[in-house]
């Protein structure tokens, strides 16, 4: 963790991270930078990035990639547009000047990561029309996650996730300890009706993992659970009308069967009656043509 101070007062922070999983996955010695926060102070920002680059070079890294806080399976990217709305759970949020500051320090854009917003509770007419045919010929079953068998369900999802996320350039596999910790952290926020598993002859071949936008009740709690924050948080859950689809994918051997469309359809069917009237699908790499085309059609 690197801090920039001016007259004894902290004005910026950056974290330099050496992830050996990136090297194993991509065959490249690279480091990440992440958790960047800085006043609108170019001198301080340059000092932070220079220090992070020196730290990376000392470990033999040839590239500094970021922001990743702390890796591709967590907070990734800098927000450059969409500031008119509040941040959605587990997505980065930063002052608008951050992008200009980061580029002024010699960084250049590498990948555009897109957040697609579906803001209508109405099932798209085309999707509703073709769904009976897809389900009749698909040869698959779709169900919500079984919270009674949570640990095993999570392990099955993680194995599939590490397969279908290979389409992304920004990827490293999730390790078992990461999976266990993330599952533990997210369990209290989960709504099983919007985390869907698709199986063919008992094999998990597709999954959609979504969360209610818990930023709404967290904001209502004003950042404190006690003495009254917990009650405010619980009361505000009824005000959640947006979900975030964190991950959705189909095993490559089972694509082009309409499984992805079936997951979208059932997210509508199960989510809208519970008051979820919109969804943010994020993030999607710019090169992920299949996901982008589906989002546009929806």
C-alpha atoms as a PDB file:
ATOM      1  CA  UNK A   1       0.000   0.000   0.000  1.00  0.00           C
ATOM      2  CA  UNK A   2       1.519   3.308  -1.115  1.00  0.00           C
ATOM      3  CA  UNK A   3       0.415   6.680   0.257  1.00  0.00           C
ATOM      4  CA  UNK A   4       1.059  10.185  -1.045  1.00  0.00           C
ATOM      5  CA  UNK A   5       1.236  12.895   1.587  1.00  0.00           C
ATOM      6  CA  UNK A   6       1.285  16.646   1.243  1.00  0.00           C
ATOM      7  CA  UNK A   7       2.187  18.706   4.299  1.00  0.00           C
ATOM      8  CA  UNK A   8       1.652  15.628   6.439  1.00  0.00           C
ATOM      9  CA  UNK A   9      -1.846  14.963   5.108  1.00  0.00           C
ATOM     10  CA  UNK A  10      -2.657  11.913   2.982  1.00  0.00           C
ATOM     11  CA  UNK A  11      -3.839  13.017  -0.492  1.00  0.00           C
ATOM     12  CA  UNK A  12      -3.652   9.738  -2.378  1.00  0.00           C
ATOM     13  CA  UNK A  13      -3.325   5.968  -2.209  1.00  0.00           C
ATOM     14  CA  UNK A  14      -2.529   3.119  -4.569  1.00  0.00           C
ATOM     15  CA  UNK A  15      -1.967  -0.583  -3.999  1.00  0.00           C
ATOM     16  CA  UNK A  16       0.543  -2.555  -6.072  1.00  0.00           C
ATOM     17  CA  UNK A  17      -0.246  -6.270  -6.420  1.00  0.00           C
ATOM     18  CA  UNK A  18       1.806  -9.142  -7.823  1.00  0.00           C
ATOM     19  CA  UNK A  19      -0.576 -11.946  -8.856  1.00  0.00           C
ATOM     20  CA  UNK A  20       1.256 -15.123  -9.867  1.00  0.00           C
ATOM     21  CA  UNK A  21      -2.022 -16.536 -11.185  1.00  0.00           C
ATOM     22  CA  UNK A  22      -1.866 -13.946 -13.968  1.00  0.00           C
ATOM     23  CA  UNK A  23       1.579 -15.211 -14.912  1.00  0.00           C
ATOM     24  CA  UNK A  24       0.417 -18.833 -14.902  1.00  0.00           C
ATOM     25  CA  UNK A  25      -2.710 -18.036 -16.937  1.00  0.00           C
ATOM     26  CA  UNK A  26      -1.310 -15.553 -19.454  1.00  0.00           C
ATOM     27  CA  UNK A  27       2.410 -16.348 -19.518  1.00  0.00           C
ATOM     28  CA  UNK A  28       3.303 -12.741 -18.721  1.00  0.00           C
ATOM     29  CA  UNK A  29       4.989 -11.203 -15.704  1.00  0.00           C
ATOM     30  CA  UNK A  30       2.626  -8.391 -14.835  1.00  0.00           C
ATOM     31  CA  UNK A  31       1.506  -6.571 -11.729  1.00  0.00           C
ATOM     32  CA  UNK A  32      -1.771  -4.844 -10.946  1.00  0.00           C
ATOM     33  CA  UNK A  33      -2.541  -1.482  -9.487  1.00  0.00           C
ATOM     34  CA  UNK A  34      -5.757  -1.038  -7.566  1.00  0.00           C
ATOM     35  CA  UNK A  35      -7.697   0.714  -4.809  1.00  0.00           C
ATOM     36  CA  UNK A  36      -6.569   4.011  -6.307  1.00  0.00           C
ATOM     37  CA  UNK A  37      -7.881   7.098  -4.540  1.00  0.00           C
ATOM     38  CA  UNK A  38      -6.472  10.555  -5.035  1.00  0.00           C
ATOM     39  CA  UNK A  39      -7.348  14.195  -4.739  1.00  0.00           C
ATOM     40  CA  UNK A  40      -7.418  16.043  -8.051  1.00  0.00           C
ATOM     41  CA  UNK A  41      -3.678  16.454  -7.696  1.00  0.00           C
ATOM     42  CA  UNK A  42      -1.571  15.415 -10.703  1.00  0.00           C
ATOM     43  CA  UNK A  43       1.740  15.608  -8.863  1.00  0.00           C
ATOM     44  CA  UNK A  44       0.497  13.255  -6.145  1.00  0.00           C
ATOM     45  CA  UNK A  45      -1.034  10.867  -8.678  1.00  0.00           C
ATOM     46  CA  UNK A  46       2.207  10.707 -10.682  1.00  0.00           C
ATOM     47  CA  UNK A  47       4.171   9.974  -7.529  1.00  0.00           C
ATOM     48  CA  UNK A  48       1.809   7.095  -6.721  1.00  0.00           C
ATOM     49  CA  UNK A  49       1.982   5.519 -10.178  1.00  0.00           C
ATOM     50  CA  UNK A  50       5.759   5.960 -10.344  1.00  0.00           C
ATOM     51  CA  UNK A  51       6.128   4.214  -6.991  1.00  0.00           C
ATOM     52  CA  UNK A  52       3.819   1.374  -8.071  1.00  0.00           C
ATOM     53  CA  UNK A  53       5.789   0.936 -11.314  1.00  0.00           C
ATOM     54  CA  UNK A  54       9.093   0.860  -9.399  1.00  0.00           C
ATOM     55  CA  UNK A  55       7.652  -1.772  -7.061  1.00  0.00           C
ATOM     56  CA  UNK A  56       6.538  -3.898 -10.026  1.00  0.00           C
ATOM     57  CA  UNK A  57       9.851  -3.578 -11.888  1.00  0.00           C
ATOM     58  CA  UNK A  58      11.741  -4.668  -8.784  1.00  0.00           C
ATOM     59  CA  UNK A  59       9.803  -7.954  -8.993  1.00  0.00           C
ATOM     60  CA  UNK A  60      10.555  -8.473 -12.663  1.00  0.00           C
ATOM     61  CA  UNK A  61       7.138  -7.403 -13.938  1.00  0.00           C
ATOM     62  CA  UNK A  62       7.030  -5.939 -17.438  1.00  0.00           C
ATOM     63  CA  UNK A  63       3.556  -4.448 -17.303  1.00  0.00           C
ATOM     64  CA  UNK A  64       1.313  -2.700 -14.771  1.00  0.00           C
ATOM     65  CA  UNK A  65      -2.421  -3.336 -15.326  1.00  0.00           C
ATOM     66  CA  UNK A  66      -5.311  -1.781 -13.486  1.00  0.00           C
ATOM     67  CA  UNK A  67      -7.319  -0.983 -11.705  1.00  0.00           C
ATOM     68  CA  UNK A  68      -7.852  -4.465 -10.313  1.00  0.00           C
ATOM     69  CA  UNK A  69      -8.747  -4.495  -6.660  1.00  0.00           C
ATOM     70  CA  UNK A  70      -7.328  -7.001  -5.980  1.00  0.00           C
ATOM     71  CA  UNK A  71      -7.786  -9.230  -9.080  1.00  0.00           C
ATOM     72  CA  UNK A  72      -9.995  -9.828 -12.152  1.00  0.00           C
ATOM     73  CA  UNK A  73     -12.658 -11.566 -10.037  1.00  0.00           C
ATOM     74  CA  UNK A  74     -13.276  -8.497  -7.866  1.00  0.00           C
ATOM     75  CA  UNK A  75     -13.465  -4.748  -8.528  1.00  0.00           C
ATOM     76  CA  UNK A  76     -12.136  -3.996 -12.007  1.00  0.00           C
ATOM     77  CA  UNK A  77     -11.965  -0.811 -14.036  1.00  0.00           C
ATOM     78  CA  UNK A  78     -12.453   2.920 -13.678  1.00  0.00           C
ATOM     79  CA  UNK A  79     -15.870   4.440 -14.229  1.00  0.00           C
ATOM     80  CA  UNK A  80     -15.744   6.928 -17.110  1.00  0.00           C
ATOM     81  CA  UNK A  81     -19.457   7.571 -17.733  1.00  0.00           C
ATOM     82  CA  UNK A  82     -22.852   6.973 -16.169  1.00  0.00           C
ATOM     83  CA  UNK A  83     -22.273   9.270 -13.225  1.00  0.00           C
ATOM     84  CA  UNK A  84     -25.893  10.421 -13.263  1.00  0.00           C
ATOM     85  CA  UNK A  85     -26.937   7.259 -11.409  1.00  0.00           C
ATOM     86  CA  UNK A  86     -25.836   5.707  -8.113  1.00  0.00           C
ATOM     87  CA  UNK A  87     -23.246   2.910  -8.070  1.00  0.00           C
ATOM     88  CA  UNK A  88     -24.516  -0.677  -8.205  1.00  0.00           C
ATOM     89  CA  UNK A  89     -23.308  -3.302  -5.764  1.00  0.00           C
ATOM     90  CA  UNK A  90     -19.747  -4.543  -6.287  1.00  0.00           C
ATOM     91  CA  UNK A  91     -19.056  -2.167  -9.167  1.00  0.00           C
ATOM     92  CA  UNK A  92     -16.355   0.533  -9.012  1.00  0.00           C
ATOM     93  CA  UNK A  93     -17.304   4.146  -8.475  1.00  0.00           C
ATOM     94  CA  UNK A  94     -14.940   7.092  -8.551  1.00  0.00           C
ATOM     95  CA  UNK A  95     -14.922  10.842  -9.157  1.00  0.00           C
ATOM     96  CA  UNK A  96     -15.203  11.783 -12.863  1.00  0.00           C
ATOM     97  CA  UNK A  97     -11.736  13.353 -12.823  1.00  0.00           C
ATOM     98  CA  UNK A  98     -10.061  10.004 -12.075  1.00  0.00           C
ATOM     99  CA  UNK A  99      -9.926   8.960 -15.736  1.00  0.00           C
ATOM    100  CA  UNK A 100      -8.206  12.189 -16.778  1.00  0.00           C
ATOM    101  CA  UNK A 101      -5.788  11.920 -13.872  1.00  0.00           C
ATOM    102  CA  UNK A 102      -4.932   8.285 -14.619  1.00  0.00           C
ATOM    103  CA  UNK A 103      -4.275   8.998 -18.314  1.00  0.00           C
ATOM    104  CA  UNK A 104      -2.179  12.059 -17.475  1.00  0.00           C
ATOM    105  CA  UNK A 105       0.107   9.738 -15.501  1.00  0.00           C
ATOM    106  CA  UNK A 106       0.992   7.814 -18.659  1.00  0.00           C
ATOM    107  CA  UNK A 107      -1.627   5.080 -18.520  1.00  0.00           C
ATOM    108  CA  UNK A 108      -3.584   4.214 -21.645  1.00  0.00           C
ATOM    109  CA  UNK A 109      -6.891   2.472 -22.107  1.00  0.00           C
ATOM    110  CA  UNK A 110      -6.632  -1.280 -22.673  1.00  0.00           C
ATOM    111  CA  UNK A 111     -10.171  -2.698 -22.517  1.00  0.00           C
ATOM    112  CA  UNK A 112     -13.613  -1.154 -22.485  1.00  0.00           C
ATOM    113  CA  UNK A 113     -15.834  -2.867 -19.934  1.00  0.00           C
ATOM    114  CA  UNK A 114     -19.533  -2.227 -20.452  1.00  0.00           C
ATOM    115  CA  UNK A 115     -22.420  -2.261 -17.991  1.00  0.00           C
ATOM    116  CA  UNK A 116     -25.684  -3.011 -19.792  1.00  0.00           C
ATOM    117  CA  UNK A 117     -28.829  -1.691 -18.116  1.00  0.00           C
ATOM    118  CA  UNK A 118     -32.189  -3.374 -18.670  1.00  0.00           C
ATOM    119  CA  UNK A 119     -34.651  -0.894 -17.226  1.00  0.00           C
ATOM    120  CA  UNK A 120     -38.042  -2.301 -18.179  1.00  0.00           C
ATOM    121  CA  UNK A 121     -40.009  -4.948 -16.266  1.00  0.00           C
ATOM    122  CA  UNK A 122     -41.677  -6.091 -19.484  1.00  0.00           C
ATOM    123  CA  UNK A 123     -40.392  -9.315 -21.001  1.00  0.00           C
ATOM    124  CA  UNK A 124     -39.205  -8.507 -24.538  1.00  0.00           C
ATOM    125  CA  UNK A 125     -41.841  -9.675 -27.001  1.00  0.00           C
ATOM    126  CA  UNK A 126     -39.370 -11.639 -29.111  1.00  0.00           C
ATOM    127  CA  UNK A 127     -38.014 -13.463 -26.061  1.00  0.00           C
ATOM    128  CA  UNK A 128     -41.492 -14.406 -24.844  1.00  0.00           C
ATOM    129  CA  UNK A 129     -42.445 -15.610 -28.333  1.00  0.00           C
ATOM    130  CA  UNK A 130     -39.493 -17.941 -28.896  1.00  0.00           C
ATOM    131  CA  UNK A 131     -39.173 -19.274 -25.344  1.00  0.00           C
ATOM    132  CA  UNK A 132     -41.674 -22.170 -25.656  1.00  0.00           C
ATOM    133  CA  UNK A 133     -39.766 -23.518 -28.682  1.00  0.00           C
ATOM    134  CA  UNK A 134     -36.393 -23.177 -26.949  1.00  0.00           C
ATOM    135  CA  UNK A 135     -37.540 -24.991 -23.834  1.00  0.00           C
ATOM    136  CA  UNK A 136     -39.314 -27.710 -25.840  1.00  0.00           C
ATOM    137  CA  UNK A 137     -36.230 -28.647 -27.852  1.00  0.00           C
ATOM    138  CA  UNK A 138     -33.480 -27.580 -25.491  1.00  0.00           C
ATOM    139  CA  UNK A 139     -33.048 -30.783 -23.499  1.00  0.00           C
ATOM    140  CA  UNK A 140     -32.121 -28.880 -20.351  1.00  0.00           C
ATOM    141  CA  UNK A 141     -33.652 -28.109 -16.967  1.00  0.00           C
ATOM    142  CA  UNK A 142     -33.450 -24.773 -15.182  1.00  0.00           C
ATOM    143  CA  UNK A 143     -33.734 -24.274 -11.429  1.00  0.00           C
ATOM    144  CA  UNK A 144     -32.749 -21.820  -8.690  1.00  0.00           C
ATOM    145  CA  UNK A 145     -29.697 -22.460  -6.522  1.00  0.00           C
ATOM    146  CA  UNK A 146     -30.379 -24.883  -3.655  1.00  0.00           C
ATOM    147  CA  UNK A 147     -29.483 -22.930  -0.513  1.00  0.00           C
ATOM    148  CA  UNK A 148     -29.781 -26.119   1.585  1.00  0.00           C
ATOM    149  CA  UNK A 149     -26.769 -27.488  -0.298  1.00  0.00           C
ATOM    150  CA  UNK A 150     -25.053 -24.122  -0.600  1.00  0.00           C
ATOM    151  CA  UNK A 151     -21.406 -25.157  -0.303  1.00  0.00           C
ATOM    152  CA  UNK A 152     -21.674 -27.864  -2.947  1.00  0.00           C
ATOM    153  CA  UNK A 153     -23.692 -25.606  -5.229  1.00  0.00           C
ATOM    154  CA  UNK A 154     -21.029 -22.911  -4.961  1.00  0.00           C
ATOM    155  CA  UNK A 155     -18.265 -25.405  -5.756  1.00  0.00           C
ATOM    156  CA  UNK A 156     -20.114 -26.551  -8.884  1.00  0.00           C
ATOM    157  CA  UNK A 157     -20.685 -22.964  -9.975  1.00  0.00           C
ATOM    158  CA  UNK A 158     -17.008 -22.084  -9.438  1.00  0.00           C
ATOM    159  CA  UNK A 159     -15.879 -24.953 -11.669  1.00  0.00           C
ATOM    160  CA  UNK A 160     -18.211 -23.799 -14.438  1.00  0.00           C
ATOM    161  CA  UNK A 161     -17.274 -20.136 -13.925  1.00  0.00           C
ATOM    162  CA  UNK A 162     -13.585 -20.910 -14.362  1.00  0.00           C
ATOM    163  CA  UNK A 163     -14.469 -22.499 -17.680  1.00  0.00           C
ATOM    164  CA  UNK A 164     -16.812 -19.988 -19.284  1.00  0.00           C
ATOM    165  CA  UNK A 165     -14.867 -16.930 -18.111  1.00  0.00           C
ATOM    166  CA  UNK A 166     -12.020 -18.012 -20.398  1.00  0.00           C
ATOM    167  CA  UNK A 167     -13.694 -15.888 -23.093  1.00  0.00           C
ATOM    168  CA  UNK A 168     -12.468 -12.790 -21.238  1.00  0.00           C
ATOM    169  CA  UNK A 169      -8.983 -11.412 -21.751  1.00  0.00           C
ATOM    170  CA  UNK A 170      -9.091 -10.052 -18.208  1.00  0.00           C
ATOM    171  CA  UNK A 171      -9.261 -13.375 -16.421  1.00  0.00           C
ATOM    172  CA  UNK A 172      -7.580 -15.527 -13.817  1.00  0.00           C
ATOM    173  CA  UNK A 173      -9.243 -18.604 -12.297  1.00  0.00           C
ATOM    174  CA  UNK A 174     -10.831 -18.253  -8.888  1.00  0.00           C
ATOM    175  CA  UNK A 175      -8.976 -20.327  -6.308  1.00  0.00           C
ATOM    176  CA  UNK A 176     -10.844 -22.524  -3.796  1.00  0.00           C
ATOM    177  CA  UNK A 177     -10.099 -20.168  -0.852  1.00  0.00           C
ATOM    178  CA  UNK A 178     -11.393 -17.207  -2.909  1.00  0.00           C
ATOM    179  CA  UNK A 179     -14.557 -19.117  -3.739  1.00  0.00           C
ATOM    180  CA  UNK A 180     -15.179 -20.042  -0.105  1.00  0.00           C
ATOM    181  CA  UNK A 181     -14.649 -16.485   1.131  1.00  0.00           C
ATOM    182  CA  UNK A 182     -16.767 -14.874  -1.580  1.00  0.00           C
ATOM    183  CA  UNK A 183     -19.587 -17.367  -1.014  1.00  0.00           C
ATOM    184  CA  UNK A 184     -19.523 -16.608   2.699  1.00  0.00           C
ATOM    185  CA  UNK A 185     -19.574 -12.841   2.097  1.00  0.00           C
ATOM    186  CA  UNK A 186     -22.411 -12.905  -0.445  1.00  0.00           C
ATOM    187  CA  UNK A 187     -24.718 -15.461   1.161  1.00  0.00           C
ATOM    188  CA  UNK A 188     -26.599 -12.949   3.404  1.00  0.00           C
ATOM    189  CA  UNK A 189     -27.423 -10.797   0.341  1.00  0.00           C
ATOM    190  CA  UNK A 190     -28.480 -13.582  -1.999  1.00  0.00           C
ATOM    191  CA  UNK A 191     -31.954 -14.179  -3.343  1.00  0.00           C
ATOM    192  CA  UNK A 192     -32.026 -17.781  -4.629  1.00  0.00           C
ATOM    193  CA  UNK A 193     -34.775 -16.962  -7.132  1.00  0.00           C
ATOM    194  CA  UNK A 194     -32.331 -14.913  -9.206  1.00  0.00           C
ATOM    195  CA  UNK A 195     -29.356 -17.267  -9.115  1.00  0.00           C
ATOM    196  CA  UNK A 196     -30.173 -19.893 -11.728  1.00  0.00           C
ATOM    197  CA  UNK A 197     -28.558 -23.207 -12.625  1.00  0.00           C
ATOM    198  CA  UNK A 198     -29.078 -25.009 -15.919  1.00  0.00           C
ATOM    199  CA  UNK A 199     -28.411 -28.739 -16.101  1.00  0.00           C
ATOM    200  CA  UNK A 200     -28.284 -31.390 -18.795  1.00  0.00           C
ATOM    201  CA  UNK A 201     -28.601 -34.924 -17.426  1.00  0.00           C
ATOM    202  CA  UNK A 202     -27.515 -33.679 -14.010  1.00  0.00           C
ATOM    203  CA  UNK A 203     -24.449 -31.824 -15.279  1.00  0.00           C
ATOM    204  CA  UNK A 204     -24.237 -28.095 -14.599  1.00  0.00           C
ATOM    205  CA  UNK A 205     -23.812 -26.447 -18.011  1.00  0.00           C
ATOM    206  CA  UNK A 206     -25.021 -22.888 -17.456  1.00  0.00           C
ATOM    207  CA  UNK A 207     -25.518 -20.425 -14.636  1.00  0.00           C
ATOM    208  CA  UNK A 208     -26.696 -16.898 -13.990  1.00  0.00           C
ATOM    209  CA  UNK A 209     -25.542 -15.363 -10.724  1.00  0.00           C
ATOM    210  CA  UNK A 210     -27.375 -12.178  -9.723  1.00  0.00           C
ATOM    211  CA  UNK A 211     -27.663 -10.138  -6.553  1.00  0.00           C
ATOM    212  CA  UNK A 212     -30.195  -7.578  -5.376  1.00  0.00           C
ATOM    213  CA  UNK A 213     -28.606  -4.121  -5.372  1.00  0.00           C
ATOM    214  CA  UNK A 214     -27.737  -4.067  -1.684  1.00  0.00           C
ATOM    215  CA  UNK A 215     -26.215  -0.595  -2.087  1.00  0.00           C
ATOM    216  CA  UNK A 216     -29.755   0.731  -1.568  1.00  0.00           C
ATOM    217  CA  UNK A 217     -30.198  -0.568   2.017  1.00  0.00           C
ATOM    218  CA  UNK A 218     -26.520  -0.026   2.810  1.00  0.00           C
ATOM    219  CA  UNK A 219     -26.946   3.642   1.922  1.00  0.00           C
ATOM    220  CA  UNK A 220     -30.032   3.829   4.127  1.00  0.00           C
ATOM    221  CA  UNK A 221     -27.967   2.502   7.046  1.00  0.00           C
ATOM    222  CA  UNK A 222     -25.524   5.455   6.644  1.00  0.00           C
ATOM    223  CA  UNK A 223     -22.567   3.077   6.878  1.00  0.00           C
ATOM    224  CA  UNK A 224     -23.336   1.907  10.407  1.00  0.00           C
ATOM    225  CA  UNK A 225     -25.110  -1.193  11.675  1.00  0.00           C
ATOM    226  CA  UNK A 226     -25.561   0.021  15.246  1.00  0.00           C
ATOM    227  CA  UNK A 227     -27.494   1.320  17.024  1.00  0.00           C
ATOM    228  CA  UNK A 228     -30.140   1.814  14.299  1.00  0.00           C
ATOM    229  CA  UNK A 229     -28.403   1.005  11.019  1.00  0.00           C
ATOM    230  CA  UNK A 230     -29.363  -2.672  11.012  1.00  0.00           C
ATOM    231  CA  UNK A 231     -33.055  -1.801  11.297  1.00  0.00           C
ATOM    232  CA  UNK A 232     -32.756   0.783   8.516  1.00  0.00           C
ATOM    233  CA  UNK A 233     -30.956  -1.768   6.351  1.00  0.00           C
ATOM    234  CA  UNK A 234     -33.627  -4.428   6.818  1.00  0.00           C
ATOM    235  CA  UNK A 235     -36.447  -1.950   6.265  1.00  0.00           C
ATOM    236  CA  UNK A 236     -34.886  -0.618   3.063  1.00  0.00           C
ATOM    237  CA  UNK A 237     -34.612  -4.033   1.386  1.00  0.00           C
ATOM    238  CA  UNK A 238     -38.165  -3.493   0.128  1.00  0.00           C
ATOM    239  CA  UNK A 239     -36.840  -0.503  -1.852  1.00  0.00           C
ATOM    240  CA  UNK A 240     -34.518  -2.656  -3.972  1.00  0.00           C
ATOM    241  CA  UNK A 241     -35.825  -2.666  -7.536  1.00  0.00           C
ATOM    242  CA  UNK A 242     -32.566  -3.375  -9.362  1.00  0.00           C
ATOM    243  CA  UNK A 243     -30.422  -6.480  -9.559  1.00  0.00           C
ATOM    244  CA  UNK A 244     -26.879  -6.875 -10.754  1.00  0.00           C
ATOM    245  CA  UNK A 245     -26.112  -9.891 -12.922  1.00  0.00           C
ATOM    246  CA  UNK A 246     -22.532 -10.525 -11.836  1.00  0.00           C
ATOM    247  CA  UNK A 247     -21.900 -13.552 -13.966  1.00  0.00           C
ATOM    248  CA  UNK A 248     -23.698 -15.495 -16.670  1.00  0.00           C
ATOM    249  CA  UNK A 249     -22.337 -18.156 -18.945  1.00  0.00           C
ATOM    250  CA  UNK A 250     -22.808 -21.473 -20.692  1.00  0.00           C
ATOM    251  CA  UNK A 251     -20.277 -24.265 -21.132  1.00  0.00           C
ATOM    252  CA  UNK A 252     -18.972 -24.131 -24.692  1.00  0.00           C
ATOM    253  CA  UNK A 253     -20.229 -27.657 -25.457  1.00  0.00           C
ATOM    254  CA  UNK A 254     -23.808 -26.549 -24.777  1.00  0.00           C
ATOM    255  CA  UNK A 255     -23.987 -23.177 -26.485  1.00  0.00           C
ATOM    256  CA  UNK A 256     -26.399 -22.290 -29.305  1.00  0.00           C
ATOM    257  CA  UNK A 257     -29.255 -24.130 -27.602  1.00  0.00           C
ATOM    258  CA  UNK A 258     -30.898 -20.995 -26.262  1.00  0.00           C
ATOM    259  CA  UNK A 259     -29.750 -21.663 -22.695  1.00  0.00           C
ATOM    260  CA  UNK A 260     -28.606 -18.063 -22.303  1.00  0.00           C
ATOM    261  CA  UNK A 261     -31.995 -16.778 -23.468  1.00  0.00           C
ATOM    262  CA  UNK A 262     -33.747 -19.144 -21.067  1.00  0.00           C
ATOM    263  CA  UNK A 263     -31.770 -17.674 -18.170  1.00  0.00           C
ATOM    264  CA  UNK A 264     -32.697 -14.121 -19.183  1.00  0.00           C
ATOM    265  CA  UNK A 265     -36.344 -15.141 -19.532  1.00  0.00           C
ATOM    266  CA  UNK A 266     -36.509 -16.738 -16.086  1.00  0.00           C
ATOM    267  CA  UNK A 267     -34.718 -13.830 -14.454  1.00  0.00           C
ATOM    268  CA  UNK A 268     -37.633 -11.728 -15.709  1.00  0.00           C
ATOM    269  CA  UNK A 269     -40.242 -14.309 -14.691  1.00  0.00           C
ATOM    270  CA  UNK A 270     -38.850 -14.802 -11.193  1.00  0.00           C
ATOM    271  CA  UNK A 271     -37.551 -11.310 -10.527  1.00  0.00           C
ATOM    272  CA  UNK A 272     -40.347  -8.965 -11.601  1.00  0.00           C
ATOM    273  CA  UNK A 273     -42.990 -10.427  -9.210  1.00  0.00           C
ATOM    274  CA  UNK A 274     -40.521  -9.770  -6.372  1.00  0.00           C
ATOM    275  CA  UNK A 275     -40.186  -6.124  -7.328  1.00  0.00           C
ATOM    276  CA  UNK A 276     -36.981  -6.288  -9.358  1.00  0.00           C
ATOM    277  CA  UNK A 277     -37.850  -4.069 -12.300  1.00  0.00           C
ATOM    278  CA  UNK A 278     -34.381  -3.596 -13.775  1.00  0.00           C
ATOM    279  CA  UNK A 279     -31.030  -5.320 -14.099  1.00  0.00           C
ATOM    280  CA  UNK A 280     -27.462  -4.216 -14.654  1.00  0.00           C
ATOM    281  CA  UNK A 281     -25.375  -6.794 -16.489  1.00  0.00           C
ATOM    282  CA  UNK A 282     -21.806  -5.998 -15.655  1.00  0.00           C
ATOM    283  CA  UNK A 283     -19.137  -6.114 -16.555  1.00  0.00           C
ATOM    284  CA  UNK A 284     -18.979  -7.253 -20.206  1.00  0.00           C
ATOM    285  CA  UNK A 285     -15.736  -7.034 -22.177  1.00  0.00           C
ATOM    286  CA  UNK A 286     -16.017  -5.059 -25.395  1.00  0.00           C
ATOM    287  CA  UNK A 287     -14.925  -8.109 -27.434  1.00  0.00           C
ATOM    288  CA  UNK A 288     -17.609 -10.360 -25.935  1.00  0.00           C
ATOM    289  CA  UNK A 289     -19.757 -10.176 -29.067  1.00  0.00           C
ATOM    290  CA  UNK A 290     -22.218 -12.891 -28.020  1.00  0.00           C
ATOM    291  CA  UNK A 291     -23.110 -11.184 -24.742  1.00  0.00           C
ATOM    292  CA  UNK A 292     -23.260  -7.756 -26.363  1.00  0.00           C
ATOM    293  CA  UNK A 293     -25.544  -8.924 -29.158  1.00  0.00           C
ATOM    294  CA  UNK A 294     -27.898 -10.551 -26.665  1.00  0.00           C
ATOM    295  CA  UNK A 295     -28.005  -7.413 -24.520  1.00  0.00           C
ATOM    296  CA  UNK A 296     -28.812  -5.267 -27.557  1.00  0.00           C
ATOM    297  CA  UNK A 297     -31.636  -7.581 -28.599  1.00  0.00           C
ATOM    298  CA  UNK A 298     -33.101  -7.531 -25.102  1.00  0.00           C
END
